[in-house]
Amino acid sequence: MKTIIIMPVLASAYFPLQVGNTWTFLATSDSSKWIYEITDTKDFNEHVYFERVLTFSDGTKDTEYFRITENDVVLLNYDGKDYIYIDFEKPLEIEWNSYGNYYGFIKERNLSVQVAAGNFNKVTEVYFSNRNVSDIFQFNRYAPGVGLVESIRFRFGLKLINARVNGIDYP
């Protein structure tokens, strides 16, 4: 009989939520820059959420709210409700449901990824998609201590070019 040992993964290592954290990505489709930044904390439903603002190169912004549970699950607050965004502890390819027909699963672990911001090991790849729309899937790659380092999406990708995470600069 084969024994499988699953080492616990701290969501906070792969999805670092600290005000001031910033990630800058280069879009492969048009060389535009996408900047994610943890800008603030907000209290909703008796929980503290971290505000993540995505700024596109044209200046438009998209804001999302995240928290990590005691069970180490990353939740997204969407329309006043919490939904699973990522469960890094799930076994490979075991799905979780999220908001609006979105779902995800851990596709791979222990990948190595090379982007302009550096070479990253022990990377976890998370697959996201929507059950009703076939062309909005994405494979997001998260490195411990850094967070998102690469996103492979329908018709384009995002590659991390620099970041400041928990006071550490990449590259």
N, C-alpha and C. Protein backbone atom coordinates (compact mmCIF):
# COMPACT_ATOMS: atom_id res chain seq x y z
N MET A 1 0.84 -1.18 0.00
CA MET A 1 0.00 0.00 0.00
C MET A 1 0.89 1.24 0.00
N LYS A 2 0.52 2.21 -0.81
CA LYS A 2 1.28 3.44 -0.95
C LYS A 2 0.80 4.47 0.07
N THR A 3 1.74 5.10 0.76
CA THR A 3 1.40 6.14 1.72
C THR A 3 1.63 7.50 1.08
N ILE A 4 0.63 8.35 1.15
CA ILE A 4 0.74 9.70 0.62
C ILE A 4 0.77 10.66 1.79
N ILE A 5 1.82 11.46 1.82
CA ILE A 5 1.95 12.46 2.88
C ILE A 5 1.71 13.83 2.26
N ILE A 6 0.77 14.55 2.81
CA ILE A 6 0.48 15.91 2.34
C ILE A 6 1.00 16.88 3.39
N MET A 7 1.97 17.68 2.99
CA MET A 7 2.52 18.68 3.90
C MET A 7 1.59 19.89 3.90
N PRO A 8 1.31 20.45 5.07
CA PRO A 8 0.44 21.61 5.11
C PRO A 8 1.07 22.80 4.39
N VAL A 9 0.24 23.55 3.71
CA VAL A 9 0.68 24.73 2.97
C VAL A 9 0.00 25.92 3.61
N LEU A 10 0.77 26.91 3.99
CA LEU A 10 0.16 28.11 4.55
C LEU A 10 -0.29 29.02 3.42
N ALA A 11 -1.58 29.27 3.37
CA ALA A 11 -2.12 30.14 2.33
C ALA A 11 -1.45 31.50 2.35
N SER A 12 -1.10 31.98 3.54
CA SER A 12 -0.48 33.30 3.63
C SER A 12 0.88 33.35 2.95
N ALA A 13 1.54 32.21 2.79
CA ALA A 13 2.82 32.18 2.06
C ALA A 13 2.59 32.32 0.56
N TYR A 14 1.56 31.67 0.05
CA TYR A 14 1.28 31.69 -1.38
C TYR A 14 0.37 32.84 -1.80
N PHE A 15 -0.31 33.43 -0.85
CA PHE A 15 -1.25 34.53 -1.13
C PHE A 15 -1.03 35.59 -0.05
N PRO A 16 0.14 36.27 -0.07
CA PRO A 16 0.48 37.19 1.00
C PRO A 16 -0.38 38.45 1.01
N LEU A 17 -1.09 38.64 2.10
CA LEU A 17 -1.97 39.80 2.26
C LEU A 17 -1.38 40.73 3.31
N GLN A 18 -0.74 41.78 2.85
CA GLN A 18 -0.19 42.81 3.74
C GLN A 18 -0.31 44.14 3.01
N VAL A 19 -0.84 45.13 3.69
CA VAL A 19 -0.97 46.45 3.08
C VAL A 19 0.41 46.91 2.62
N GLY A 20 0.48 47.37 1.38
CA GLY A 20 1.73 47.82 0.79
C GLY A 20 2.34 46.82 -0.18
N ASN A 21 1.89 45.57 -0.14
CA ASN A 21 2.39 44.60 -1.12
C ASN A 21 1.95 45.02 -2.52
N THR A 22 2.88 44.93 -3.48
CA THR A 22 2.61 45.36 -4.86
C THR A 22 3.25 44.37 -5.82
N TRP A 23 2.52 44.02 -6.88
CA TRP A 23 3.01 43.14 -7.93
C TRP A 23 2.76 43.81 -9.27
N THR A 24 3.78 43.89 -10.13
CA THR A 24 3.62 44.47 -11.46
C THR A 24 3.84 43.37 -12.49
N PHE A 25 2.87 43.22 -13.37
CA PHE A 25 2.89 42.18 -14.40
C PHE A 25 2.94 42.81 -15.78
N LEU A 26 3.55 42.09 -16.71
CA LEU A 26 3.55 42.48 -18.11
C LEU A 26 2.60 41.54 -18.84
N ALA A 27 1.63 42.13 -19.56
CA ALA A 27 0.69 41.33 -20.34
C ALA A 27 1.37 40.90 -21.64
N THR A 28 1.30 39.62 -21.96
CA THR A 28 1.98 39.11 -23.15
C THR A 28 1.31 39.53 -24.44
N SER A 29 0.05 39.93 -24.37
CA SER A 29 -0.69 40.28 -25.59
C SER A 29 -0.32 41.65 -26.14
N ASP A 30 -0.07 42.61 -25.25
CA ASP A 30 0.16 43.99 -25.72
C ASP A 30 1.23 44.73 -24.94
N SER A 31 1.96 44.03 -24.10
CA SER A 31 3.03 44.62 -23.27
C SER A 31 2.54 45.69 -22.31
N SER A 32 1.25 45.68 -22.00
CA SER A 32 0.73 46.62 -21.01
C SER A 32 1.09 46.12 -19.61
N LYS A 33 1.08 47.03 -18.65
CA LYS A 33 1.37 46.66 -17.27
C LYS A 33 0.09 46.59 -16.46
N TRP A 34 -0.01 45.54 -15.66
CA TRP A 34 -1.11 45.37 -14.72
C TRP A 34 -0.47 45.41 -13.33
N ILE A 35 -0.98 46.25 -12.46
CA ILE A 35 -0.41 46.39 -11.12
C ILE A 35 -1.45 46.00 -10.07
N TYR A 36 -1.11 44.99 -9.28
CA TYR A 36 -1.93 44.59 -8.14
C TYR A 36 -1.30 45.18 -6.90
N GLU A 37 -2.14 45.74 -6.01
CA GLU A 37 -1.63 46.30 -4.77
C GLU A 37 -2.62 46.06 -3.64
N ILE A 38 -2.08 45.65 -2.49
CA ILE A 38 -2.90 45.56 -1.28
C ILE A 38 -2.89 46.96 -0.68
N THR A 39 -4.04 47.64 -0.73
CA THR A 39 -4.07 49.06 -0.39
C THR A 39 -4.62 49.37 1.00
N ASP A 40 -5.42 48.47 1.56
CA ASP A 40 -6.10 48.81 2.81
C ASP A 40 -6.72 47.56 3.41
N THR A 41 -7.27 47.71 4.60
CA THR A 41 -8.10 46.66 5.19
C THR A 41 -9.49 47.24 5.42
N LYS A 42 -10.48 46.38 5.34
CA LYS A 42 -11.87 46.78 5.56
C LYS A 42 -12.55 45.74 6.44
N ASP A 43 -13.48 46.19 7.25
CA ASP A 43 -14.26 45.28 8.09
C ASP A 43 -15.62 45.04 7.45
N PHE A 44 -15.91 43.76 7.16
CA PHE A 44 -17.23 43.35 6.68
C PHE A 44 -17.63 42.12 7.48
N ASN A 45 -18.89 42.01 7.80
CA ASN A 45 -19.43 40.78 8.40
C ASN A 45 -18.55 40.25 9.54
N GLU A 46 -18.07 41.14 10.38
CA GLU A 46 -17.26 40.78 11.54
C GLU A 46 -15.91 40.15 11.18
N HIS A 47 -15.40 40.40 9.97
CA HIS A 47 -14.09 39.91 9.55
C HIS A 47 -13.31 41.06 8.94
N VAL A 48 -11.99 40.93 8.99
CA VAL A 48 -11.11 41.92 8.35
C VAL A 48 -10.70 41.37 6.99
N TYR A 49 -10.90 42.18 5.97
CA TYR A 49 -10.54 41.83 4.59
C TYR A 49 -9.44 42.75 4.11
N PHE A 50 -8.62 42.24 3.22
CA PHE A 50 -7.59 43.04 2.59
C PHE A 50 -8.10 43.48 1.22
N GLU A 51 -7.97 44.77 0.97
CA GLU A 51 -8.42 45.35 -0.30
C GLU A 51 -7.29 45.22 -1.32
N ARG A 52 -7.56 44.50 -2.42
CA ARG A 52 -6.59 44.37 -3.50
C ARG A 52 -7.11 45.13 -4.70
N VAL A 53 -6.32 46.10 -5.15
CA VAL A 53 -6.69 46.92 -6.29
C VAL A 53 -5.83 46.53 -7.48
N LEU A 54 -6.48 46.22 -8.59
CA LEU A 54 -5.79 45.97 -9.86
C LEU A 54 -5.91 47.23 -10.69
N THR A 55 -4.77 47.81 -11.07
CA THR A 55 -4.77 48.99 -11.93
C THR A 55 -4.25 48.58 -13.30
N PHE A 56 -5.08 48.78 -14.31
CA PHE A 56 -4.69 48.49 -15.68
C PHE A 56 -3.90 49.66 -16.24
N SER A 57 -3.18 49.45 -17.35
CA SER A 57 -2.33 50.52 -17.89
C SER A 57 -3.11 51.75 -18.33
N ASP A 58 -4.40 51.61 -18.58
CA ASP A 58 -5.20 52.80 -18.96
C ASP A 58 -5.74 53.54 -17.74
N GLY A 59 -5.38 53.06 -16.54
CA GLY A 59 -5.78 53.73 -15.31
C GLY A 59 -7.05 53.21 -14.68
N THR A 60 -7.81 52.36 -15.39
CA THR A 60 -9.01 51.80 -14.78
C THR A 60 -8.60 50.83 -13.67
N LYS A 61 -9.50 50.69 -12.71
CA LYS A 61 -9.19 49.88 -11.53
C LYS A 61 -10.29 48.86 -11.26
N ASP A 62 -9.90 47.77 -10.66
CA ASP A 62 -10.81 46.73 -10.21
C ASP A 62 -10.41 46.40 -8.77
N THR A 63 -11.38 46.40 -7.87
CA THR A 63 -11.08 46.17 -6.46
C THR A 63 -11.75 44.89 -5.98
N GLU A 64 -10.99 44.09 -5.23
CA GLU A 64 -11.49 42.85 -4.65
C GLU A 64 -11.09 42.81 -3.18
N TYR A 65 -11.81 42.00 -2.40
CA TYR A 65 -11.57 41.89 -0.96
C TYR A 65 -11.34 40.44 -0.58
N PHE A 66 -10.21 40.19 0.10
CA PHE A 66 -9.80 38.84 0.45
C PHE A 66 -9.51 38.72 1.95
N ARG A 67 -9.66 37.50 2.44
CA ARG A 67 -9.19 37.16 3.78
C ARG A 67 -8.81 35.69 3.77
N ILE A 68 -8.03 35.30 4.76
CA ILE A 68 -7.62 33.90 4.91
C ILE A 68 -8.24 33.38 6.20
N THR A 69 -8.93 32.25 6.11
CA THR A 69 -9.64 31.68 7.26
C THR A 69 -8.68 30.97 8.21
N GLU A 70 -9.22 30.61 9.37
CA GLU A 70 -8.46 29.80 10.33
C GLU A 70 -8.07 28.46 9.72
N ASN A 71 -8.85 27.98 8.76
CA ASN A 71 -8.57 26.71 8.08
C ASN A 71 -7.67 26.88 6.88
N ASP A 72 -7.09 28.08 6.72
CA ASP A 72 -6.10 28.35 5.68
C ASP A 72 -6.69 28.34 4.27
N VAL A 73 -7.90 28.84 4.14
CA VAL A 73 -8.56 28.97 2.84
C VAL A 73 -8.65 30.45 2.50
N VAL A 74 -8.29 30.79 1.26
CA VAL A 74 -8.41 32.18 0.80
C VAL A 74 -9.84 32.41 0.36
N LEU A 75 -10.49 33.40 0.98
CA LEU A 75 -11.87 33.74 0.62
C LEU A 75 -11.91 35.08 -0.09
N LEU A 76 -12.83 35.19 -1.03
CA LEU A 76 -13.12 36.43 -1.75
C LEU A 76 -14.50 36.89 -1.31
N ASN A 77 -14.61 38.15 -0.89
CA ASN A 77 -15.92 38.70 -0.55
C ASN A 77 -16.49 39.30 -1.82
N TYR A 78 -17.58 38.72 -2.30
CA TYR A 78 -18.21 39.15 -3.55
C TYR A 78 -19.69 39.39 -3.27
N ASP A 79 -20.14 40.60 -3.54
CA ASP A 79 -21.54 40.99 -3.27
C ASP A 79 -21.96 40.67 -1.84
N GLY A 80 -21.06 40.90 -0.89
CA GLY A 80 -21.39 40.73 0.52
C GLY A 80 -21.32 39.32 1.05
N LYS A 81 -20.90 38.36 0.21
CA LYS A 81 -20.78 36.97 0.65
C LYS A 81 -19.35 36.48 0.44
N ASP A 82 -18.94 35.53 1.28
CA ASP A 82 -17.62 34.92 1.14
C ASP A 82 -17.70 33.71 0.23
N TYR A 83 -16.74 33.61 -0.67
CA TYR A 83 -16.62 32.48 -1.58
C TYR A 83 -15.17 32.00 -1.56
N ILE A 84 -15.00 30.71 -1.75
CA ILE A 84 -13.64 30.17 -1.82
C ILE A 84 -12.97 30.74 -3.07
N TYR A 85 -11.80 31.32 -2.87
CA TYR A 85 -10.99 31.78 -4.00
C TYR A 85 -9.91 30.74 -4.29
N ILE A 86 -9.20 30.34 -3.23
CA ILE A 86 -8.20 29.26 -3.38
C ILE A 86 -8.15 28.46 -2.08
N ASP A 87 -8.12 27.15 -2.24
CA ASP A 87 -7.87 26.25 -1.12
C ASP A 87 -6.58 25.50 -1.44
N PHE A 88 -5.46 26.05 -0.98
CA PHE A 88 -4.15 25.48 -1.28
C PHE A 88 -3.96 24.09 -0.68
N GLU A 89 -4.80 23.72 0.29
CA GLU A 89 -4.68 22.42 0.96
C GLU A 89 -5.36 21.29 0.20
N LYS A 90 -6.21 21.60 -0.76
CA LYS A 90 -6.95 20.55 -1.49
C LYS A 90 -5.99 19.65 -2.25
N PRO A 91 -6.32 18.37 -2.34
CA PRO A 91 -5.54 17.48 -3.20
C PRO A 91 -5.67 17.93 -4.67
N LEU A 92 -4.75 17.50 -5.49
CA LEU A 92 -4.76 17.87 -6.90
C LEU A 92 -6.09 17.54 -7.56
N GLU A 93 -6.58 18.48 -8.34
CA GLU A 93 -7.75 18.36 -9.21
C GLU A 93 -9.07 18.09 -8.48
N ILE A 94 -9.12 18.36 -7.19
CA ILE A 94 -10.39 18.30 -6.45
C ILE A 94 -10.98 19.71 -6.47
N GLU A 95 -12.12 19.85 -7.11
CA GLU A 95 -12.71 21.18 -7.34
C GLU A 95 -13.33 21.79 -6.10
N TRP A 96 -13.35 23.12 -6.09
CA TRP A 96 -14.15 23.90 -5.16
C TRP A 96 -14.99 24.85 -5.99
N ASN A 97 -16.15 25.20 -5.48
CA ASN A 97 -17.02 26.16 -6.16
C ASN A 97 -16.79 27.54 -5.58
N SER A 98 -16.93 28.55 -6.44
CA SER A 98 -16.78 29.93 -6.02
C SER A 98 -18.04 30.69 -6.43
N TYR A 99 -17.93 31.96 -6.65
CA TYR A 99 -19.09 32.79 -6.99
C TYR A 99 -19.44 32.66 -8.47
N GLY A 100 -20.70 32.93 -8.81
CA GLY A 100 -21.15 33.07 -10.19
C GLY A 100 -20.70 31.99 -11.15
N ASN A 101 -20.84 30.74 -10.80
CA ASN A 101 -20.46 29.60 -11.63
C ASN A 101 -18.96 29.43 -11.84
N TYR A 102 -18.16 30.18 -11.08
CA TYR A 102 -16.71 29.97 -11.14
C TYR A 102 -16.35 28.78 -10.26
N TYR A 103 -15.27 28.14 -10.62
CA TYR A 103 -14.74 27.04 -9.83
C TYR A 103 -13.23 26.99 -10.02
N GLY A 104 -12.57 26.24 -9.18
CA GLY A 104 -11.12 26.11 -9.30
C GLY A 104 -10.64 24.81 -8.72
N PHE A 105 -9.37 24.52 -8.97
CA PHE A 105 -8.71 23.38 -8.35
C PHE A 105 -7.20 23.55 -8.48
N ILE A 106 -6.48 22.83 -7.62
CA ILE A 106 -5.02 22.81 -7.69
C ILE A 106 -4.64 21.88 -8.83
N LYS A 107 -3.97 22.43 -9.83
CA LYS A 107 -3.58 21.65 -11.01
C LYS A 107 -2.25 20.94 -10.79
N GLU A 108 -1.25 21.68 -10.27
CA GLU A 108 0.07 21.10 -10.05
C GLU A 108 0.74 21.77 -8.86
N ARG A 109 1.71 21.06 -8.30
CA ARG A 109 2.53 21.61 -7.21
C ARG A 109 4.00 21.40 -7.57
N ASN A 110 4.85 22.12 -6.86
CA ASN A 110 6.30 21.99 -6.98
C ASN A 110 6.83 22.29 -8.37
N LEU A 111 6.22 23.26 -9.04
CA LEU A 111 6.72 23.71 -10.33
C LEU A 111 7.86 24.70 -10.13
N SER A 112 8.66 24.88 -11.16
CA SER A 112 9.65 25.95 -11.21
C SER A 112 9.21 26.91 -12.30
N VAL A 113 9.24 28.21 -11.98
CA VAL A 113 8.80 29.24 -12.92
C VAL A 113 9.88 30.31 -13.01
N GLN A 114 10.19 30.69 -14.25
CA GLN A 114 11.17 31.75 -14.48
C GLN A 114 10.46 32.91 -15.16
N VAL A 115 10.49 34.07 -14.50
CA VAL A 115 9.93 35.31 -15.04
C VAL A 115 10.94 36.42 -14.77
N ALA A 116 10.68 37.62 -15.28
CA ALA A 116 11.63 38.73 -15.12
C ALA A 116 11.94 39.04 -13.66
N ALA A 117 10.98 38.81 -12.77
CA ALA A 117 11.17 39.11 -11.35
C ALA A 117 12.05 38.08 -10.64
N GLY A 118 12.33 36.94 -11.30
CA GLY A 118 13.20 35.94 -10.69
C GLY A 118 12.82 34.52 -11.07
N ASN A 119 13.56 33.59 -10.51
CA ASN A 119 13.29 32.16 -10.67
C ASN A 119 12.65 31.67 -9.37
N PHE A 120 11.52 31.01 -9.50
CA PHE A 120 10.76 30.60 -8.32
C PHE A 120 10.53 29.10 -8.33
N ASN A 121 10.71 28.48 -7.15
CA ASN A 121 10.50 27.04 -6.99
C ASN A 121 9.34 26.80 -6.04
N LYS A 122 8.92 25.55 -5.97
CA LYS A 122 7.79 25.13 -5.12
C LYS A 122 6.52 25.91 -5.47
N VAL A 123 6.36 26.20 -6.75
CA VAL A 123 5.22 26.97 -7.25
C VAL A 123 4.00 26.06 -7.35
N THR A 124 2.85 26.58 -6.95
CA THR A 124 1.58 25.86 -7.06
C THR A 124 0.74 26.50 -8.16
N GLU A 125 0.23 25.66 -9.06
CA GLU A 125 -0.60 26.14 -10.17
C GLU A 125 -2.07 25.88 -9.85
N VAL A 126 -2.87 26.94 -9.94
CA VAL A 126 -4.30 26.88 -9.64
C VAL A 126 -5.07 27.16 -10.92
N TYR A 127 -6.02 26.29 -11.23
CA TYR A 127 -6.87 26.46 -12.41
C TYR A 127 -8.17 27.12 -11.99
N PHE A 128 -8.58 28.15 -12.73
CA PHE A 128 -9.87 28.82 -12.52
C PHE A 128 -10.64 28.81 -13.83
N SER A 129 -11.95 28.65 -13.73
CA SER A 129 -12.78 28.77 -14.92
C SER A 129 -14.22 29.04 -14.49
N ASN A 130 -15.08 29.17 -15.50
CA ASN A 130 -16.50 29.40 -15.28
C ASN A 130 -17.26 28.32 -16.02
N ARG A 131 -18.22 27.72 -15.36
CA ARG A 131 -18.96 26.61 -15.98
C ARG A 131 -19.80 27.05 -17.17
N ASN A 132 -20.09 28.34 -17.29
CA ASN A 132 -20.95 28.82 -18.36
C ASN A 132 -20.22 29.52 -19.50
N VAL A 133 -18.94 29.85 -19.30
CA VAL A 133 -18.19 30.59 -20.31
C VAL A 133 -16.88 29.86 -20.55
N SER A 134 -16.68 29.36 -21.76
CA SER A 134 -15.54 28.49 -22.01
C SER A 134 -14.20 29.20 -22.18
N ASP A 135 -14.21 30.49 -22.49
CA ASP A 135 -12.94 31.13 -22.84
C ASP A 135 -12.40 32.09 -21.78
N ILE A 136 -12.77 31.91 -20.52
CA ILE A 136 -12.21 32.78 -19.49
C ILE A 136 -11.39 31.99 -18.46
N PHE A 137 -10.92 30.83 -18.86
CA PHE A 137 -10.10 30.03 -17.96
C PHE A 137 -8.75 30.70 -17.73
N GLN A 138 -8.11 30.32 -16.62
CA GLN A 138 -6.76 30.78 -16.35
C GLN A 138 -6.04 29.79 -15.46
N PHE A 139 -4.74 29.71 -15.64
CA PHE A 139 -3.85 28.93 -14.80
C PHE A 139 -2.98 29.94 -14.07
N ASN A 140 -3.20 30.10 -12.77
CA ASN A 140 -2.42 31.05 -11.98
C ASN A 140 -1.36 30.30 -11.20
N ARG A 141 -0.15 30.83 -11.24
CA ARG A 141 0.99 30.19 -10.57
C ARG A 141 1.45 31.05 -9.40
N TYR A 142 1.46 30.43 -8.22
CA TYR A 142 1.78 31.12 -6.97
C TYR A 142 3.06 30.56 -6.37
N ALA A 143 3.98 31.47 -6.01
CA ALA A 143 5.24 31.08 -5.38
C ALA A 143 5.20 31.43 -3.90
N PRO A 144 5.78 30.56 -3.05
CA PRO A 144 5.78 30.86 -1.62
C PRO A 144 6.59 32.13 -1.33
N GLY A 145 6.04 32.96 -0.46
CA GLY A 145 6.69 34.20 -0.08
C GLY A 145 6.48 35.35 -1.05
N VAL A 146 5.92 35.05 -2.22
CA VAL A 146 5.76 36.07 -3.27
C VAL A 146 4.31 36.24 -3.68
N GLY A 147 3.60 35.13 -3.88
CA GLY A 147 2.24 35.19 -4.39
C GLY A 147 2.22 34.89 -5.87
N LEU A 148 1.31 35.53 -6.58
CA LEU A 148 1.14 35.29 -8.02
C LEU A 148 2.38 35.72 -8.78
N VAL A 149 2.95 34.79 -9.57
CA VAL A 149 4.12 35.12 -10.39
C VAL A 149 3.83 35.00 -11.87
N GLU A 150 2.78 34.25 -12.22
CA GLU A 150 2.43 34.09 -13.63
C GLU A 150 0.98 33.67 -13.75
N SER A 151 0.33 34.15 -14.80
CA SER A 151 -1.05 33.77 -15.09
C SER A 151 -1.15 33.48 -16.58
N ILE A 152 -1.60 32.27 -16.91
CA ILE A 152 -1.78 31.87 -18.30
C ILE A 152 -3.27 31.86 -18.56
N ARG A 153 -3.71 32.73 -19.47
CA ARG A 153 -5.14 32.91 -19.71
C ARG A 153 -5.46 32.68 -21.18
N PHE A 154 -6.74 32.70 -21.48
CA PHE A 154 -7.18 32.56 -22.87
C PHE A 154 -6.63 33.73 -23.67
N ARG A 155 -5.81 33.45 -24.65
CA ARG A 155 -5.23 34.42 -25.59
C ARG A 155 -4.15 35.33 -25.04
N PHE A 156 -3.81 35.28 -23.78
CA PHE A 156 -2.70 36.09 -23.27
C PHE A 156 -2.27 35.56 -21.90
N GLY A 157 -1.20 36.14 -21.43
CA GLY A 157 -0.70 35.77 -20.11
C GLY A 157 -0.19 36.99 -19.38
N LEU A 158 0.10 36.81 -18.11
CA LEU A 158 0.71 37.85 -17.28
C LEU A 158 1.96 37.25 -16.65
N LYS A 159 3.06 38.01 -16.71
CA LYS A 159 4.32 37.56 -16.12
C LYS A 159 4.82 38.64 -15.17
N LEU A 160 5.18 38.22 -13.97
CA LEU A 160 5.65 39.16 -12.95
C LEU A 160 6.98 39.77 -13.37
N ILE A 161 7.03 41.12 -13.39
CA ILE A 161 8.29 41.79 -13.72
C ILE A 161 8.95 42.38 -12.48
N ASN A 162 8.15 42.77 -11.48
CA ASN A 162 8.72 43.19 -10.20
C ASN A 162 7.63 43.17 -9.14
N ALA A 163 8.08 43.13 -7.90
CA ALA A 163 7.13 43.09 -6.79
C ALA A 163 7.82 43.58 -5.53
N ARG A 164 7.01 44.02 -4.60
CA ARG A 164 7.46 44.28 -3.22
C ARG A 164 6.45 43.56 -2.34
N VAL A 165 6.92 42.50 -1.67
CA VAL A 165 6.05 41.64 -0.87
C VAL A 165 6.63 41.50 0.53
N ASN A 166 5.83 41.92 1.51
CA ASN A 166 6.25 41.84 2.91
C ASN A 166 7.63 42.47 3.13
N GLY A 167 7.88 43.59 2.43
CA GLY A 167 9.13 44.33 2.59
C GLY A 167 10.29 43.84 1.75
N ILE A 168 10.09 42.81 0.95
CA ILE A 168 11.16 42.26 0.11
C ILE A 168 10.88 42.62 -1.35
N ASP A 169 11.92 43.10 -2.05
CA ASP A 169 11.79 43.47 -3.46
C ASP A 169 12.19 42.32 -4.37
N TYR A 170 11.44 42.14 -5.44
CA TYR A 170 11.74 41.15 -6.48
C TYR A 170 11.75 41.89 -7.81
N PRO A 171 12.71 41.82 -8.67
CA PRO A 171 13.99 41.17 -8.43
C PRO A 171 14.82 41.98 -7.46
